[in-house]
């Protein structure tokens, strides 16, 4: 039973890693849309038009807020990884999608392939443990920003 839970946790962490860059890009697009809707509402001449843009801006803001909250949960879980090198590998490789051989550490140096894989394994385990407590909340947020 515990083995299944650990496997589920790792699967969820990998899923978050895959979604992270898309969610980040979607958040930027939604923020631009929200600002554009606010500008259009301010420039509109007719009350019906203003109301429409206000409603669109409100929906965009709700979506943007859900996206930002999802990203904050993922970032917070990554920052709670105890091993600093594992944290760097997870943040750069898993979340920012930087190739393993290009992962850069504090001193600007790159680590060997074996060491990077080792830290990735440790980092993903810790990341999955930290993320799993937020799984329900992240799923709920996904429903909010995916329905639009």
Foldseek 3Di string as FASTA:
>chain_A
DVVVVLVVLLVVLLVCLVCQVVLVVVLVVLVVLLVVLVVQLVPDDDPVSNVVSVVSNVLSVQLSVLSVVLNVQLVVLLVPQDDPLLSQLCCCCRNVVDDQQCRADPVRDHDDPVVSVVSVVSSSSSSSVSNVVCVVVSVVSCVSNVVD
